[in-house]
Amino acid sequence: MSTSRLKGKKAEDVACNFLLKNGLSTVARNYHCKFGEIDLIMQDSDTLVFIEVRYRKSSKFGDAAESIDHNKRRKLIFAANHYLQTHTCSLATRFDVVAMSAEHEIEWITNAFMET
């Protein structure tokens, strides 16, 4: 496994543990489909949450949350729709972002973007 992949997995582990401590429960990790990957799928009360985890060692080129552009959002929305079409779910849904820095600062952005 590459160094960047290991860092990504560690960031996902930290994010998952953080969200578990904040009351969410894990539904799936690293959901893959033809449209892309969703890092974490969790349940927050009566809401299914699709979560993108971003880690940046430096904010020199923008912070972690800013690195999610229109194309990435589009891929996440398509992947989430694929998940919903292949799994029975009657919950409301939302997209969250967990952004982290090298200093292990965690920013949890709920309802980070809306489907348009």
N, C-alpha and C. Protein backbone atom coordinates (compact mmCIF):
# COMPACT_ATOMS: atom_id res chain seq x y z
N MET A 1 0.86 -1.18 0.00
CA MET A 1 0.00 0.00 0.00
C MET A 1 0.90 1.24 0.00
N SER A 2 0.56 2.22 -0.83
CA SER A 2 1.37 3.42 -0.94
C SER A 2 1.27 4.27 0.32
N THR A 3 2.24 5.15 0.49
CA THR A 3 2.27 6.05 1.65
C THR A 3 1.02 6.93 1.69
N SER A 4 0.62 7.47 0.54
CA SER A 4 -0.56 8.34 0.52
C SER A 4 -1.82 7.54 0.82
N ARG A 5 -1.89 6.29 0.36
CA ARG A 5 -3.05 5.45 0.67
C ARG A 5 -3.11 5.13 2.17
N LEU A 6 -1.94 4.89 2.76
CA LEU A 6 -1.88 4.63 4.21
C LEU A 6 -2.34 5.86 5.00
N LYS A 7 -1.90 7.04 4.56
CA LYS A 7 -2.33 8.28 5.23
C LYS A 7 -3.83 8.47 5.09
N GLY A 8 -4.36 8.14 3.91
CA GLY A 8 -5.80 8.25 3.70
C GLY A 8 -6.59 7.30 4.59
N LYS A 9 -6.10 6.07 4.72
CA LYS A 9 -6.77 5.10 5.58
C LYS A 9 -6.72 5.54 7.03
N LYS A 10 -5.56 6.08 7.45
CA LYS A 10 -5.45 6.56 8.83
C LYS A 10 -6.42 7.72 9.07
N ALA A 11 -6.52 8.65 8.11
CA ALA A 11 -7.45 9.77 8.23
C ALA A 11 -8.89 9.26 8.32
N GLU A 12 -9.24 8.26 7.52
CA GLU A 12 -10.58 7.68 7.57
C GLU A 12 -10.84 7.03 8.92
N ASP A 13 -9.84 6.35 9.47
CA ASP A 13 -9.98 5.73 10.80
C ASP A 13 -10.23 6.79 11.87
N VAL A 14 -9.46 7.88 11.81
CA VAL A 14 -9.62 8.97 12.79
C VAL A 14 -11.01 9.59 12.64
N ALA A 15 -11.43 9.84 11.41
CA ALA A 15 -12.74 10.43 11.16
C ALA A 15 -13.86 9.52 11.65
N CYS A 16 -13.75 8.23 11.36
CA CYS A 16 -14.77 7.27 11.78
C CYS A 16 -14.88 7.24 13.30
N ASN A 17 -13.76 7.16 13.98
CA ASN A 17 -13.77 7.15 15.45
C ASN A 17 -14.36 8.45 16.01
N PHE A 18 -14.02 9.57 15.41
CA PHE A 18 -14.56 10.87 15.83
C PHE A 18 -16.09 10.88 15.70
N LEU A 19 -16.58 10.39 14.55
CA LEU A 19 -18.02 10.40 14.32
C LEU A 19 -18.75 9.39 15.22
N LEU A 20 -18.12 8.25 15.47
CA LEU A 20 -18.71 7.28 16.41
C LEU A 20 -18.86 7.90 17.79
N LYS A 21 -17.84 8.65 18.23
CA LYS A 21 -17.90 9.32 19.54
C LYS A 21 -18.98 10.40 19.57
N ASN A 22 -19.35 10.89 18.39
CA ASN A 22 -20.38 11.92 18.29
C ASN A 22 -21.75 11.34 17.97
N GLY A 23 -21.92 10.03 18.17
CA GLY A 23 -23.23 9.42 18.10
C GLY A 23 -23.65 8.78 16.79
N LEU A 24 -22.81 8.82 15.77
CA LEU A 24 -23.16 8.17 14.52
C LEU A 24 -22.80 6.68 14.60
N SER A 25 -23.40 5.88 13.75
CA SER A 25 -23.06 4.46 13.69
C SER A 25 -22.64 4.12 12.26
N THR A 26 -21.71 3.19 12.15
CA THR A 26 -21.15 2.83 10.84
C THR A 26 -22.10 1.93 10.08
N VAL A 27 -22.34 2.28 8.82
CA VAL A 27 -23.13 1.46 7.91
C VAL A 27 -22.19 0.77 6.93
N ALA A 28 -21.25 1.53 6.35
CA ALA A 28 -20.29 0.98 5.39
C ALA A 28 -19.05 1.86 5.34
N ARG A 29 -17.94 1.24 4.97
CA ARG A 29 -16.69 1.98 4.76
C ARG A 29 -16.19 1.67 3.36
N ASN A 30 -15.66 2.68 2.70
CA ASN A 30 -15.07 2.54 1.37
C ASN A 30 -16.01 1.84 0.39
N TYR A 31 -17.19 2.40 0.26
CA TYR A 31 -18.17 1.86 -0.69
C TYR A 31 -17.71 2.20 -2.10
N HIS A 32 -17.48 1.17 -2.91
CA HIS A 32 -17.02 1.34 -4.29
C HIS A 32 -18.13 0.98 -5.27
N CYS A 33 -18.24 1.76 -6.32
CA CYS A 33 -19.11 1.44 -7.44
C CYS A 33 -18.49 2.05 -8.69
N LYS A 34 -19.16 1.90 -9.82
CA LYS A 34 -18.59 2.40 -11.06
C LYS A 34 -18.45 3.93 -11.09
N PHE A 35 -19.13 4.62 -10.18
CA PHE A 35 -19.08 6.08 -10.16
C PHE A 35 -17.98 6.63 -9.25
N GLY A 36 -17.44 5.78 -8.38
CA GLY A 36 -16.40 6.25 -7.48
C GLY A 36 -16.49 5.57 -6.13
N GLU A 37 -15.99 6.25 -5.12
CA GLU A 37 -15.94 5.69 -3.77
C GLU A 37 -16.52 6.68 -2.77
N ILE A 38 -17.22 6.15 -1.80
CA ILE A 38 -17.67 6.95 -0.66
C ILE A 38 -16.88 6.44 0.54
N ASP A 39 -16.17 7.35 1.20
CA ASP A 39 -15.29 6.95 2.30
C ASP A 39 -16.05 6.29 3.44
N LEU A 40 -17.08 6.95 3.91
CA LEU A 40 -17.87 6.44 5.04
C LEU A 40 -19.35 6.64 4.76
N ILE A 41 -20.13 5.64 5.12
CA ILE A 41 -21.58 5.79 5.12
C ILE A 41 -21.99 5.47 6.55
N MET A 42 -22.64 6.44 7.19
CA MET A 42 -22.99 6.28 8.60
C MET A 42 -24.43 6.71 8.82
N GLN A 43 -24.97 6.33 9.95
CA GLN A 43 -26.32 6.73 10.30
C GLN A 43 -26.26 7.68 11.49
N ASP A 44 -26.96 8.80 11.34
CA ASP A 44 -27.08 9.81 12.39
C ASP A 44 -28.56 9.93 12.70
N SER A 45 -28.99 9.22 13.74
CA SER A 45 -30.41 9.19 14.12
C SER A 45 -31.21 8.62 12.95
N ASP A 46 -32.09 9.43 12.35
CA ASP A 46 -32.92 8.95 11.25
C ASP A 46 -32.41 9.42 9.88
N THR A 47 -31.10 9.66 9.79
CA THR A 47 -30.50 10.15 8.54
C THR A 47 -29.33 9.28 8.14
N LEU A 48 -29.28 8.89 6.87
CA LEU A 48 -28.14 8.19 6.30
C LEU A 48 -27.17 9.25 5.79
N VAL A 49 -25.92 9.17 6.23
CA VAL A 49 -24.96 10.22 5.93
C VAL A 49 -23.82 9.66 5.07
N PHE A 50 -23.61 10.28 3.92
CA PHE A 50 -22.50 9.94 3.03
C PHE A 50 -21.37 10.92 3.35
N ILE A 51 -20.21 10.38 3.72
CA ILE A 51 -19.14 11.22 4.26
C ILE A 51 -17.87 11.12 3.43
N GLU A 52 -17.37 12.28 3.03
CA GLU A 52 -16.09 12.39 2.35
C GLU A 52 -15.07 12.84 3.38
N VAL A 53 -13.98 12.09 3.48
CA VAL A 53 -12.90 12.43 4.41
C VAL A 53 -11.76 13.03 3.61
N ARG A 54 -11.30 14.20 4.05
CA ARG A 54 -10.19 14.88 3.37
C ARG A 54 -9.10 15.20 4.37
N TYR A 55 -7.88 14.94 3.97
CA TYR A 55 -6.72 15.24 4.81
C TYR A 55 -5.74 16.07 3.99
N ARG A 56 -5.21 17.10 4.61
CA ARG A 56 -4.18 17.92 3.98
C ARG A 56 -3.06 18.13 4.97
N LYS A 57 -1.85 17.84 4.53
CA LYS A 57 -0.67 18.04 5.36
C LYS A 57 -0.40 19.53 5.54
N SER A 58 -0.74 20.30 4.50
CA SER A 58 -0.49 21.73 4.52
C SER A 58 -1.68 22.45 3.89
N SER A 59 -1.92 23.67 4.34
CA SER A 59 -2.98 24.47 3.72
C SER A 59 -2.41 25.42 2.67
N LYS A 60 -1.20 25.16 2.24
CA LYS A 60 -0.52 26.00 1.25
C LYS A 60 -1.37 26.20 -0.01
N PHE A 61 -2.08 25.14 -0.42
CA PHE A 61 -2.90 25.21 -1.63
C PHE A 61 -4.39 25.14 -1.30
N GLY A 62 -4.76 25.58 -0.11
CA GLY A 62 -6.14 25.54 0.34
C GLY A 62 -6.33 24.45 1.37
N ASP A 63 -7.38 24.60 2.16
CA ASP A 63 -7.59 23.60 3.21
C ASP A 63 -8.27 22.36 2.63
N ALA A 64 -8.40 21.35 3.47
CA ALA A 64 -8.91 20.06 3.02
C ALA A 64 -10.32 20.17 2.44
N ALA A 65 -11.20 20.89 3.11
CA ALA A 65 -12.59 20.99 2.64
C ALA A 65 -12.67 21.69 1.29
N GLU A 66 -11.81 22.66 1.06
CA GLU A 66 -11.82 23.39 -0.22
C GLU A 66 -11.39 22.53 -1.39
N SER A 67 -10.79 21.38 -1.12
CA SER A 67 -10.31 20.52 -2.19
C SER A 67 -11.43 19.71 -2.84
N ILE A 68 -12.64 19.81 -2.33
CA ILE A 68 -13.77 19.09 -2.92
C ILE A 68 -14.43 20.00 -3.95
N ASP A 69 -14.12 19.73 -5.20
CA ASP A 69 -14.63 20.57 -6.28
C ASP A 69 -15.95 20.03 -6.83
N HIS A 70 -16.47 20.71 -7.84
CA HIS A 70 -17.75 20.34 -8.44
C HIS A 70 -17.73 18.90 -8.96
N ASN A 71 -16.66 18.50 -9.61
CA ASN A 71 -16.58 17.14 -10.15
C ASN A 71 -16.59 16.09 -9.05
N LYS A 72 -15.90 16.35 -7.96
CA LYS A 72 -15.89 15.40 -6.84
C LYS A 72 -17.29 15.31 -6.23
N ARG A 73 -17.95 16.43 -6.04
CA ARG A 73 -19.32 16.42 -5.51
C ARG A 73 -20.24 15.61 -6.42
N ARG A 74 -20.10 15.81 -7.72
CA ARG A 74 -20.92 15.10 -8.69
C ARG A 74 -20.71 13.59 -8.58
N LYS A 75 -19.45 13.17 -8.48
CA LYS A 75 -19.14 11.74 -8.33
C LYS A 75 -19.71 11.18 -7.04
N LEU A 76 -19.62 11.95 -5.95
CA LEU A 76 -20.18 11.49 -4.68
C LEU A 76 -21.69 11.35 -4.76
N ILE A 77 -22.35 12.27 -5.41
CA ILE A 77 -23.80 12.21 -5.57
C ILE A 77 -24.19 10.99 -6.39
N PHE A 78 -23.49 10.73 -7.49
CA PHE A 78 -23.77 9.55 -8.31
C PHE A 78 -23.53 8.26 -7.52
N ALA A 79 -22.43 8.21 -6.77
CA ALA A 79 -22.13 7.02 -5.97
C ALA A 79 -23.19 6.81 -4.89
N ALA A 80 -23.63 7.89 -4.27
CA ALA A 80 -24.67 7.80 -3.24
C ALA A 80 -25.99 7.32 -3.86
N ASN A 81 -26.34 7.84 -5.02
CA ASN A 81 -27.55 7.37 -5.70
C ASN A 81 -27.45 5.89 -6.05
N HIS A 82 -26.27 5.44 -6.46
CA HIS A 82 -26.06 4.02 -6.74
C HIS A 82 -26.28 3.21 -5.47
N TYR A 83 -25.71 3.67 -4.37
CA TYR A 83 -25.89 2.97 -3.10
C TYR A 83 -27.38 2.86 -2.76
N LEU A 84 -28.10 3.95 -2.90
CA LEU A 84 -29.52 3.97 -2.54
C LEU A 84 -30.35 3.07 -3.47
N GLN A 85 -29.92 2.93 -4.72
CA GLN A 85 -30.64 2.07 -5.66
C GLN A 85 -30.36 0.59 -5.40
N THR A 86 -29.25 0.28 -4.75
CA THR A 86 -28.87 -1.12 -4.54
C THR A 86 -29.05 -1.58 -3.09
N HIS A 87 -29.47 -0.67 -2.21
CA HIS A 87 -29.70 -1.00 -0.80
C HIS A 87 -31.05 -0.43 -0.37
N THR A 88 -31.78 -1.21 0.38
CA THR A 88 -33.06 -0.74 0.88
C THR A 88 -32.82 0.30 1.97
N CYS A 89 -33.40 1.49 1.78
CA CYS A 89 -33.21 2.56 2.75
C CYS A 89 -34.39 3.53 2.68
N SER A 90 -34.98 3.79 3.83
CA SER A 90 -36.10 4.74 3.87
C SER A 90 -35.73 5.99 4.67
N LEU A 91 -34.44 6.15 4.95
CA LEU A 91 -33.98 7.29 5.75
C LEU A 91 -33.77 8.52 4.88
N ALA A 92 -33.82 9.68 5.52
CA ALA A 92 -33.39 10.91 4.86
C ALA A 92 -31.88 10.79 4.63
N THR A 93 -31.34 11.57 3.71
CA THR A 93 -29.91 11.50 3.43
C THR A 93 -29.27 12.89 3.48
N ARG A 94 -27.97 12.89 3.70
CA ARG A 94 -27.20 14.13 3.61
C ARG A 94 -25.75 13.78 3.31
N PHE A 95 -25.00 14.80 2.90
CA PHE A 95 -23.58 14.66 2.64
C PHE A 95 -22.80 15.49 3.65
N ASP A 96 -21.86 14.87 4.31
CA ASP A 96 -20.98 15.56 5.26
C ASP A 96 -19.55 15.46 4.77
N VAL A 97 -18.73 16.36 5.27
CA VAL A 97 -17.28 16.33 5.01
C VAL A 97 -16.58 16.37 6.36
N VAL A 98 -15.58 15.51 6.50
CA VAL A 98 -14.69 15.60 7.65
C VAL A 98 -13.32 15.98 7.08
N ALA A 99 -12.88 17.18 7.42
CA ALA A 99 -11.61 17.71 6.93
C ALA A 99 -10.61 17.72 8.07
N MET A 100 -9.39 17.27 7.77
CA MET A 100 -8.36 17.20 8.80
C MET A 100 -7.06 17.81 8.30
N SER A 101 -6.33 18.33 9.27
CA SER A 101 -5.01 18.90 8.98
C SER A 101 -3.94 18.01 9.61
N ALA A 102 -2.70 18.29 9.30
CA ALA A 102 -1.58 17.53 9.86
C ALA A 102 -1.53 17.65 11.38
N GLU A 103 -2.09 18.72 11.92
CA GLU A 103 -2.12 18.93 13.37
C GLU A 103 -3.27 18.17 14.02
N HIS A 104 -3.95 17.33 13.24
CA HIS A 104 -5.08 16.51 13.70
C HIS A 104 -6.28 17.36 14.12
N GLU A 105 -6.37 18.56 13.57
CA GLU A 105 -7.57 19.36 13.78
C GLU A 105 -8.66 18.77 12.90
N ILE A 106 -9.84 18.57 13.47
CA ILE A 106 -10.94 17.97 12.73
C ILE A 106 -12.04 19.00 12.55
N GLU A 107 -12.47 19.18 11.32
CA GLU A 107 -13.60 20.04 11.01
C GLU A 107 -14.70 19.16 10.42
N TRP A 108 -15.83 19.07 11.10
CA TRP A 108 -16.96 18.27 10.64
C TRP A 108 -17.99 19.22 10.04
N ILE A 109 -18.18 19.12 8.76
CA ILE A 109 -19.13 19.98 8.05
C ILE A 109 -20.36 19.15 7.71
N THR A 110 -21.45 19.40 8.44
CA THR A 110 -22.68 18.66 8.17
C THR A 110 -23.44 19.33 7.04
N ASN A 111 -24.12 18.50 6.26
CA ASN A 111 -24.89 19.01 5.12
C ASN A 111 -23.99 19.88 4.23
N ALA A 112 -22.83 19.34 3.89
CA ALA A 112 -21.77 20.11 3.23
C ALA A 112 -22.18 20.61 1.85
N PHE A 113 -23.01 19.87 1.17
CA PHE A 113 -23.49 20.35 -0.13
C PHE A 113 -24.80 19.66 -0.45
N MET A 114 -25.56 20.32 -1.25
CA MET A 114 -26.88 19.82 -1.63
C MET A 114 -26.82 19.31 -3.06
N GLU A 115 -27.63 18.31 -3.36
CA GLU A 115 -27.72 17.81 -4.72
C GLU A 115 -28.43 18.87 -5.56
N THR A 116 -27.83 19.16 -6.70
CA THR A 116 -28.44 20.16 -7.60
C THR A 116 -28.72 19.59 -8.94
